[in-house]
């Protein structure tokens, strides 16, 4: 039954090792893939969040950073004003020149909608 204090220390050591590997390696890798951030960035964000807000800061830090980065990436995309003629030309060039006889109903509808047929 009881193997003594050495077995207990080995079990405690293995438990601590597994917990640390999960917390410092596996967790950031999985979380990084989920929010598309580098694992080192996840560790830094978690550290900053826990220093600033304790446990709650650590829980909120990664989702907040992911939202901030998503908003920044959306705001950095250029907004291009497109006139109707340019849009019509682009749409027309993406369609086949002439639909086949029995042809695709969706293609004929799109061509009629933009005035090509």
Protein backbone atom coordinates (compact mmCIF):
# COMPACT_ATOMS: atom_id res chain seq x y z
CA UNK A 1 0.00 0.00 0.00
CA UNK A 2 2.12 2.89 1.25
CA UNK A 3 5.45 3.13 -0.56
CA UNK A 4 6.94 5.76 1.66
CA UNK A 5 7.92 9.42 1.40
CA UNK A 6 10.12 8.92 -1.69
CA UNK A 7 7.18 7.73 -3.79
CA UNK A 8 5.09 10.64 -2.54
CA UNK A 9 7.82 13.13 -3.54
CA UNK A 10 8.10 11.55 -7.00
CA UNK A 11 4.33 11.86 -7.49
CA UNK A 12 4.36 15.49 -6.34
CA UNK A 13 7.31 16.25 -8.64
CA UNK A 14 5.64 14.65 -11.67
CA UNK A 15 2.40 16.49 -10.92
CA UNK A 16 4.21 19.84 -10.72
CA UNK A 17 6.12 19.10 -13.94
CA UNK A 18 2.95 18.20 -15.86
CA UNK A 19 1.11 21.24 -14.51
CA UNK A 20 3.95 23.59 -15.52
CA UNK A 21 4.24 22.06 -19.00
CA UNK A 22 0.51 22.49 -19.51
CA UNK A 23 0.54 26.05 -18.20
CA UNK A 24 3.62 27.32 -20.00
CA UNK A 25 3.70 25.28 -23.23
CA UNK A 26 0.44 23.59 -24.17
CA UNK A 27 -1.89 26.35 -22.98
CA UNK A 28 -0.25 29.20 -24.91
CA UNK A 29 0.09 27.06 -28.04
CA UNK A 30 -3.58 26.09 -28.09
CA UNK A 31 -4.77 29.55 -27.08
CA UNK A 32 -2.44 31.16 -29.63
CA UNK A 33 -3.95 29.11 -32.44
CA UNK A 34 -7.47 29.96 -31.28
CA UNK A 35 -6.90 33.73 -31.26
CA UNK A 36 -4.14 33.76 -33.91
CA UNK A 37 -1.42 35.15 -31.68
CA UNK A 38 2.12 33.88 -31.16
CA UNK A 39 2.55 31.77 -27.98
CA UNK A 40 5.22 34.14 -26.63
CA UNK A 41 2.81 37.04 -27.15
CA UNK A 42 0.20 35.07 -25.19
CA UNK A 43 2.64 34.65 -22.29
CA UNK A 44 3.54 38.35 -22.33
CA UNK A 45 -0.13 39.37 -22.52
CA UNK A 46 -1.01 37.03 -19.64
CA UNK A 47 1.84 38.44 -17.55
CA UNK A 48 0.81 42.03 -18.22
CA UNK A 49 -2.84 41.23 -17.52
CA UNK A 50 -2.06 39.50 -14.25
CA UNK A 51 0.20 42.33 -13.08
CA UNK A 52 -2.39 44.99 -13.92
CA UNK A 53 -5.55 43.16 -12.89
CA UNK A 54 -4.64 40.07 -10.90
CA UNK A 55 -6.59 36.90 -11.67
CA UNK A 56 -9.37 38.75 -13.49
CA UNK A 57 -6.80 40.65 -15.53
CA UNK A 58 -5.20 37.38 -16.60
CA UNK A 59 -8.58 36.00 -17.66
CA UNK A 60 -9.50 39.10 -19.64
CA UNK A 61 -6.07 39.93 -21.10
CA UNK A 62 -5.90 37.53 -24.07
CA UNK A 63 -9.46 38.08 -25.36
CA UNK A 64 -9.00 41.84 -24.99
CA UNK A 65 -5.71 41.75 -26.88
CA UNK A 66 -7.30 39.63 -29.64
CA UNK A 67 -10.18 42.10 -30.02
CA UNK A 68 -7.82 45.08 -30.06
CA UNK A 69 -5.64 43.45 -32.73
CA UNK A 70 -8.71 42.55 -34.82
CA UNK A 71 -10.01 46.13 -34.65
CA UNK A 72 -6.58 47.49 -35.60
CA UNK A 73 -6.36 45.14 -38.59
CA UNK A 74 -9.81 46.21 -39.79
CA UNK A 75 -8.99 49.89 -39.38
CA UNK A 76 -5.70 49.52 -41.28
CA UNK A 77 -7.43 48.19 -44.41
CA UNK A 78 -7.83 50.93 -47.01
CA UNK A 79 -11.34 51.99 -47.90
CA UNK A 80 -11.78 52.31 -51.65
CA UNK A 81 -14.72 54.19 -53.11
CA UNK A 82 -15.99 52.31 -56.15
CA UNK A 83 -18.38 53.82 -58.64
CA UNK A 84 -21.23 51.75 -60.09
CA UNK A 85 -19.58 51.61 -63.52
CA UNK A 86 -16.36 50.15 -62.14
CA UNK A 87 -18.28 47.64 -60.07
CA UNK A 88 -20.38 46.67 -63.08
CA UNK A 89 -17.26 46.21 -65.22
CA UNK A 90 -15.63 44.03 -62.59
CA UNK A 91 -18.74 41.93 -62.22
CA UNK A 92 -19.15 41.60 -65.97
CA UNK A 93 -15.53 40.52 -66.40
CA UNK A 94 -16.00 37.80 -63.79
CA UNK A 95 -18.86 36.24 -65.77
CA UNK A 96 -18.51 34.02 -68.81
CA UNK A 97 -18.72 35.82 -72.17
CA UNK A 98 -21.90 34.06 -73.23
CA UNK A 99 -23.87 31.55 -71.27
CA UNK A 100 -24.32 28.15 -72.83
CA UNK A 101 -27.68 27.38 -74.35
CA UNK A 102 -29.20 25.40 -71.56
CA UNK A 103 -26.77 27.23 -69.30
CA UNK A 104 -26.48 28.07 -65.72
CA UNK A 105 -29.60 29.84 -64.44
CA UNK A 106 -27.64 31.76 -61.83
CA UNK A 107 -25.22 33.08 -64.48
CA UNK A 108 -28.10 34.19 -66.72
CA UNK A 109 -29.76 35.92 -63.77
CA UNK A 110 -26.56 37.78 -62.87
CA UNK A 111 -25.99 38.82 -66.48
CA UNK A 112 -29.58 40.11 -66.73
CA UNK A 113 -29.25 41.94 -63.41
CA UNK A 114 -26.29 43.97 -64.62
CA UNK A 115 -27.72 44.54 -68.08
CA UNK A 116 -25.54 42.26 -70.21
CA UNK A 117 -28.42 40.23 -71.69
